[in-house]
PDB file of N, CA and C in Angstrom:
ATOM      1  N   MET A   1    -119.469 -73.259 -74.875  1.00  0.00           N
ATOM      2  CA  MET A   1    -119.889 -71.915 -75.230  1.00  0.00           C
ATOM      3  C   MET A   1    -120.462 -71.968 -76.646  1.00  0.00           C
ATOM      4  N   SER A   2    -121.606 -71.351 -76.845  1.00  0.00           N
ATOM      5  CA  SER A   2    -122.233 -71.360 -78.160  1.00  0.00           C
ATOM      6  C   SER A   2    -121.426 -70.521 -79.142  1.00  0.00           C
ATOM      7  N   PRO A   3    -121.581 -70.793 -80.437  1.00  0.00           N
ATOM      8  CA  PRO A   3    -120.841 -69.996 -81.430  1.00  0.00           C
ATOM      9  C   PRO A   3    -121.157 -68.504 -81.339  1.00  0.00           C
ATOM     10  N   SER A   4    -122.403 -68.189 -81.029  1.00  0.00           N
ATOM     11  CA  SER A   4    -122.788 -66.782 -80.908  1.00  0.00           C
ATOM     12  C   SER A   4    -122.102 -66.127 -79.716  1.00  0.00           C
ATOM     13  N   ALA A   5    -122.093 -66.806 -78.590  1.00  0.00           N
ATOM     14  CA  ALA A   5    -121.430 -66.263 -77.399  1.00  0.00           C
ATOM     15  C   ALA A   5    -119.927 -66.162 -77.617  1.00  0.00           C
ATOM     16  N   SER A   6    -119.370 -67.151 -78.282  1.00  0.00           N
ATOM     17  CA  SER A   6    -117.940 -67.120 -78.589  1.00  0.00           C
ATOM     18  C   SER A   6    -117.605 -65.940 -79.495  1.00  0.00           C
ATOM     19  N   SER A   7    -118.461 -65.678 -80.470  1.00  0.00           N
ATOM     20  CA  SER A   7    -118.242 -64.544 -81.377  1.00  0.00           C
ATOM     21  C   SER A   7    -118.365 -63.218 -80.650  1.00  0.00           C
ATOM     22  N   LYS A   8    -119.302 -63.146 -79.717  1.00  0.00           N
ATOM     23  CA  LYS A   8    -119.453 -61.916 -78.932  1.00  0.00           C
ATOM     24  C   LYS A   8    -118.203 -61.663 -78.089  1.00  0.00           C
ATOM     25  N   THR A   9    -117.694 -62.725 -77.481  1.00  0.00           N
ATOM     26  CA  THR A   9    -116.477 -62.596 -76.680  1.00  0.00           C
ATOM     27  C   THR A   9    -115.301 -62.171 -77.549  1.00  0.00           C
ATOM     28  N   LEU A  10    -115.174 -62.794 -78.708  1.00  0.00           N
ATOM     29  CA  LEU A  10    -114.111 -62.420 -79.642  1.00  0.00           C
ATOM     30  C   LEU A  10    -114.244 -60.956 -80.046  1.00  0.00           C
ATOM     31  N   ALA A  11    -115.464 -60.519 -80.328  1.00  0.00           N
ATOM     32  CA  ALA A  11    -115.690 -59.128 -80.732  1.00  0.00           C
ATOM     33  C   ALA A  11    -115.280 -58.166 -79.629  1.00  0.00           C
ATOM     34  N   LEU A  12    -115.685 -58.448 -78.405  1.00  0.00           N
ATOM     35  CA  LEU A  12    -115.335 -57.568 -77.291  1.00  0.00           C
ATOM     36  C   LEU A  12    -113.830 -57.507 -77.072  1.00  0.00           C
ATOM     37  N   GLU A  13    -113.177 -58.652 -77.117  1.00  0.00           N
ATOM     38  CA  GLU A  13    -111.723 -58.679 -76.937  1.00  0.00           C
ATOM     39  C   GLU A  13    -111.013 -57.942 -78.067  1.00  0.00           C
ATOM     40  N   THR A  14    -111.507 -58.127 -79.284  1.00  0.00           N
ATOM     41  CA  THR A  14    -110.901 -57.467 -80.442  1.00  0.00           C
ATOM     42  C   THR A  14    -111.071 -55.964 -80.361  1.00  0.00           C
ATOM     43  N   PHE A  15    -112.295 -55.505 -80.047  1.00  0.00           N
ATOM     44  CA  PHE A  15    -112.529 -54.069 -79.912  1.00  0.00           C
ATOM     45  C   PHE A  15    -111.656 -53.476 -78.815  1.00  0.00           C
ATOM     46  N   LYS A  16    -111.526 -54.187 -77.706  1.00  0.00           N
ATOM     47  CA  LYS A  16    -110.700 -53.696 -76.597  1.00  0.00           C
ATOM     48  C   LYS A  16    -109.248 -53.557 -77.037  1.00  0.00           C
ATOM     49  N   ASP A  17    -108.723 -54.591 -77.674  1.00  0.00           N
ATOM     50  CA  ASP A  17    -107.326 -54.557 -78.120  1.00  0.00           C
ATOM     51  C   ASP A  17    -107.079 -53.436 -79.125  1.00  0.00           C
ATOM     52  N   PHE A  18    -107.955 -53.330 -80.120  1.00  0.00           N
ATOM     53  CA  PHE A  18    -107.766 -52.309 -81.143  1.00  0.00           C
ATOM     54  C   PHE A  18    -107.975 -50.908 -80.582  1.00  0.00           C
ATOM     55  N   SER A  19    -108.927 -50.751 -79.674  1.00  0.00           N
ATOM     56  CA  SER A  19    -109.145 -49.413 -79.110  1.00  0.00           C
ATOM     57  C   SER A  19    -107.952 -48.974 -78.266  1.00  0.00           C
ATOM     58  N   GLU A  20    -107.339 -49.907 -77.542  1.00  0.00           N
ATOM     59  CA  GLU A  20    -106.132 -49.563 -76.776  1.00  0.00           C
ATOM     60  C   GLU A  20    -104.998 -49.141 -77.707  1.00  0.00           C
ATOM     61  N   GLU A  21    -104.864 -49.828 -78.836  1.00  0.00           N
ATOM     62  CA  GLU A  21    -103.827 -49.464 -79.801  1.00  0.00           C
ATOM     63  C   GLU A  21    -104.101 -48.085 -80.408  1.00  0.00           C
ATOM     64  N   ILE A  22    -105.358 -47.796 -80.716  1.00  0.00           N
ATOM     65  CA  ILE A  22    -105.714 -46.493 -81.288  1.00  0.00           C
ATOM     66  C   ILE A  22    -105.458 -45.385 -80.280  1.00  0.00           C
ATOM     67  N   VAL A  23    -105.803 -45.618 -79.020  1.00  0.00           N
ATOM     68  CA  VAL A  23    -105.547 -44.616 -77.981  1.00  0.00           C
ATOM     69  C   VAL A  23    -104.051 -44.356 -77.863  1.00  0.00           C
ATOM     70  N   SER A  24    -103.244 -45.403 -77.902  1.00  0.00           N
ATOM     71  CA  SER A  24    -101.795 -45.195 -77.784  1.00  0.00           C
ATOM     72  C   SER A  24    -101.243 -44.439 -78.993  1.00  0.00           C
ATOM     73  N   ILE A  25    -101.797 -44.675 -80.172  1.00  0.00           N
ATOM     74  CA  ILE A  25    -101.382 -43.921 -81.363  1.00  0.00           C
ATOM     75  C   ILE A  25    -101.729 -42.452 -81.185  1.00  0.00           C
ATOM     76  N   ARG A  26    -102.950 -42.185 -80.743  1.00  0.00           N
ATOM     77  CA  ARG A  26    -103.403 -40.798 -80.602  1.00  0.00           C
ATOM     78  C   ARG A  26    -102.663 -40.055 -79.493  1.00  0.00           C
ATOM     79  N   GLU A  27    -102.181 -40.778 -78.497  1.00  0.00           N
ATOM     80  CA  GLU A  27    -101.440 -40.144 -77.401  1.00  0.00           C
ATOM     81  C   GLU A  27     -99.966 -39.928 -77.736  1.00  0.00           C
ATOM     82  N   ASN A  28     -99.480 -40.561 -78.788  1.00  0.00           N
ATOM     83  CA  ASN A  28     -98.064 -40.469 -79.146  1.00  0.00           C
ATOM     84  C   ASN A  28     -97.770 -39.096 -79.749  1.00  0.00           C
ATOM     85  N   LYS A  29     -96.986 -38.322 -79.063  1.00  0.00           N
ATOM     86  CA  LYS A  29     -96.672 -36.951 -79.499  1.00  0.00           C
ATOM     87  C   LYS A  29     -95.624 -36.923 -80.608  1.00  0.00           C
ATOM     88  N   ASP A  30     -95.011 -38.066 -80.913  1.00  0.00           N
ATOM     89  CA  ASP A  30     -94.013 -38.123 -81.976  1.00  0.00           C
ATOM     90  C   ASP A  30     -94.640 -38.160 -83.371  1.00  0.00           C
ATOM     91  N   PHE A  31     -95.931 -38.496 -83.446  1.00  0.00           N
ATOM     92  CA  PHE A  31     -96.615 -38.557 -84.738  1.00  0.00           C
ATOM     93  C   PHE A  31     -97.248 -37.216 -85.059  1.00  0.00           C
ATOM     94  N   ASN A  32     -97.212 -36.838 -86.346  1.00  0.00           N
ATOM     95  CA  ASN A  32     -97.950 -35.638 -86.740  1.00  0.00           C
ATOM     96  C   ASN A  32     -99.409 -36.024 -86.970  1.00  0.00           C
ATOM     97  N   SER A  33    -100.268 -35.047 -87.190  1.00  0.00           N
ATOM     98  CA  SER A  33    -101.706 -35.317 -87.267  1.00  0.00           C
ATOM     99  C   SER A  33    -102.069 -36.233 -88.432  1.00  0.00           C
ATOM    100  N   SER A  34    -101.400 -36.107 -89.565  1.00  0.00           N
ATOM    101  CA  SER A  34    -101.733 -36.977 -90.697  1.00  0.00           C
ATOM    102  C   SER A  34    -101.304 -38.420 -90.426  1.00  0.00           C
ATOM    103  N   ALA A  35    -100.185 -38.603 -89.742  1.00  0.00           N
ATOM    104  CA  ALA A  35     -99.747 -39.957 -89.387  1.00  0.00           C
ATOM    105  C   ALA A  35    -100.710 -40.587 -88.385  1.00  0.00           C
ATOM    106  N   ILE A  36    -101.154 -39.802 -87.431  1.00  0.00           N
ATOM    107  CA  ILE A  36    -102.127 -40.302 -86.447  1.00  0.00           C
ATOM    108  C   ILE A  36    -103.404 -40.738 -87.148  1.00  0.00           C
ATOM    109  N   GLU A  37    -103.885 -39.913 -88.067  1.00  0.00           N
ATOM    110  CA  GLU A  37    -105.118 -40.235 -88.790  1.00  0.00           C
ATOM    111  C   GLU A  37    -104.946 -41.502 -89.632  1.00  0.00           C
ATOM    112  N   ARG A  38    -103.837 -41.616 -90.337  1.00  0.00           N
ATOM    113  CA  ARG A  38    -103.590 -42.778 -91.188  1.00  0.00           C
ATOM    114  C   ARG A  38    -103.474 -44.051 -90.357  1.00  0.00           C
ATOM    115  N   LEU A  39    -102.692 -44.003 -89.291  1.00  0.00           N
ATOM    116  CA  LEU A  39    -102.517 -45.182 -88.441  1.00  0.00           C
ATOM    117  C   LEU A  39    -103.824 -45.592 -87.768  1.00  0.00           C
ATOM    118  N   SER A  40    -104.609 -44.605 -87.354  1.00  0.00           N
ATOM    119  CA  SER A  40    -105.899 -44.903 -86.728  1.00  0.00           C
ATOM    120  C   SER A  40    -106.836 -45.574 -87.724  1.00  0.00           C
ATOM    121  N   LYS A  41    -106.871 -45.066 -88.951  1.00  0.00           N
ATOM    122  CA  LYS A  41    -107.725 -45.673 -89.982  1.00  0.00           C
ATOM    123  C   LYS A  41    -107.285 -47.099 -90.285  1.00  0.00           C
ATOM    124  N   GLU A  42    -105.984 -47.331 -90.301  1.00  0.00           N
ATOM    125  CA  GLU A  42    -105.484 -48.687 -90.537  1.00  0.00           C
ATOM    126  C   GLU A  42    -105.920 -49.632 -89.420  1.00  0.00           C
ATOM    127  N   LYS A  43    -105.877 -49.162 -88.191  1.00  0.00           N
ATOM    128  CA  LYS A  43    -106.306 -49.998 -87.059  1.00  0.00           C
ATOM    129  C   LYS A  43    -107.801 -50.287 -87.138  1.00  0.00           C
ATOM    130  N   ILE A  44    -108.583 -49.269 -87.504  1.00  0.00           N
ATOM    131  CA  ILE A  44    -110.030 -49.462 -87.618  1.00  0.00           C
ATOM    132  C   ILE A  44    -110.338 -50.470 -88.720  1.00  0.00           C
ATOM    133  N   ALA A  45    -109.635 -50.388 -89.828  1.00  0.00           N
ATOM    134  CA  ALA A  45    -109.814 -51.366 -90.904  1.00  0.00           C
ATOM    135  C   ALA A  45    -109.426 -52.763 -90.416  1.00  0.00           C
ATOM    136  N   GLY A  46    -108.444 -52.827 -89.548  1.00  0.00           N
ATOM    137  CA  GLY A  46    -108.021 -54.109 -88.993  1.00  0.00           C
ATOM    138  C   GLY A  46    -109.086 -54.772 -88.139  1.00  0.00           C
ATOM    139  N   VAL A  47    -109.913 -53.969 -87.483  1.00  0.00           N
ATOM    140  CA  VAL A  47    -111.015 -54.529 -86.686  1.00  0.00           C
ATOM    141  C   VAL A  47    -111.951 -55.306 -87.595  1.00  0.00           C
ATOM    142  N   THR A  48    -112.293 -54.716 -88.722  1.00  0.00           N
ATOM    143  CA  THR A  48    -113.184 -55.381 -89.668  1.00  0.00           C
ATOM    144  C   THR A  48    -112.568 -56.684 -90.157  1.00  0.00           C
ATOM    145  N   ASP A  49    -111.306 -56.636 -90.532  1.00  0.00           N
ATOM    146  CA  ASP A  49    -110.634 -57.843 -91.016  1.00  0.00           C
ATOM    147  C   ASP A  49    -110.582 -58.928 -89.943  1.00  0.00           C
ATOM    148  N   ALA A  50    -110.377 -58.527 -88.708  1.00  0.00           N
ATOM    149  CA  ALA A  50    -110.277 -59.496 -87.617  1.00  0.00           C
ATOM    150  C   ALA A  50    -111.624 -60.123 -87.281  1.00  0.00           C
ATOM    151  N   LEU A  51    -112.695 -59.339 -87.392  1.00  0.00           N
ATOM    152  CA  LEU A  51    -114.010 -59.836 -86.989  1.00  0.00           C
ATOM    153  C   LEU A  51    -114.816 -60.458 -88.122  1.00  0.00           C
ATOM    154  N   LEU A  52    -114.449 -60.214 -89.355  1.00  0.00           N
ATOM    155  CA  LEU A  52    -115.236 -60.696 -90.485  1.00  0.00           C
ATOM    156  C   LEU A  52    -115.455 -62.205 -90.469  1.00  0.00           C
ATOM    157  N   PRO A  53    -114.444 -63.035 -90.240  1.00  0.00           N
ATOM    158  CA  PRO A  53    -114.694 -64.483 -90.219  1.00  0.00           C
ATOM    159  C   PRO A  53    -115.713 -64.898 -89.147  1.00  0.00           C
ATOM    160  N   ALA A  54    -115.629 -64.303 -87.984  1.00  0.00           N
ATOM    161  CA  ALA A  54    -116.575 -64.640 -86.912  1.00  0.00           C
ATOM    162  C   ALA A  54    -117.987 -64.199 -87.279  1.00  0.00           C
ATOM    163  N   MET A  55    -118.118 -63.006 -87.858  1.00  0.00           N
ATOM    164  CA  MET A  55    -119.445 -62.523 -88.255  1.00  0.00           C
ATOM    165  C   MET A  55    -120.041 -63.415 -89.337  1.00  0.00           C
ATOM    166  N   GLN A  56    -119.223 -63.873 -90.272  1.00  0.00           N
ATOM    167  CA  GLN A  56    -119.713 -64.751 -91.328  1.00  0.00           C
ATOM    168  C   GLN A  56    -120.152 -66.097 -90.767  1.00  0.00           C
ATOM    169  N   SER A  57    -119.423 -66.626 -89.806  1.00  0.00           N
ATOM    170  CA  SER A  57    -119.803 -67.919 -89.240  1.00  0.00           C
ATOM    171  C   SER A  57    -121.103 -67.817 -88.460  1.00  0.00           C
ATOM    172  N   VAL A  58    -121.311 -66.720 -87.753  1.00  0.00           N
ATOM    173  CA  VAL A  58    -122.571 -66.525 -87.034  1.00  0.00           C
ATOM    174  C   VAL A  58    -123.714 -66.372 -88.024  1.00  0.00           C
ATOM    175  N   ALA A  59    -123.483 -65.670 -89.112  1.00  0.00           N
ATOM    176  CA  ALA A  59    -124.529 -65.488 -90.122  1.00  0.00           C
ATOM    177  C   ALA A  59    -124.935 -66.828 -90.733  1.00  0.00           C
ATOM    178  N   ARG A  60    -123.990 -67.728 -90.918  1.00  0.00           N
ATOM    179  CA  ARG A  60    -124.311 -69.053 -91.470  1.00  0.00           C
ATOM    180  C   ARG A  60    -125.121 -69.877 -90.478  1.00  0.00           C
ATOM    181  N   ILE A  61    -124.835 -69.732 -89.195  1.00  0.00           N
ATOM    182  CA  ILE A  61    -125.538 -70.501 -88.163  1.00  0.00           C
ATOM    183  C   ILE A  61    -126.974 -70.018 -88.014  1.00  0.00           C
ATOM    184  N   CYS A  62    -127.155 -68.703 -88.065  1.00  0.00           N
ATOM    185  CA  CYS A  62    -128.491 -68.124 -87.874  1.00  0.00           C
ATOM    186  C   CYS A  62    -129.267 -68.296 -89.112  1.00  0.00           C
TER     187      CYS A  62
END
């Protein structure tokens, strides 16, 4: 598998995992609205942290 295809697969899997976590946070009735917003923002920031190394490696290859 090429590095680009591998990065695309990693991105899709990462987005899927993080989006499922965000949906479960938003569906949790035990959290108040500010907690939901904070936890969701933390998860979104985590997507960037998780994908940054792959994006940098693809940028070096291209």
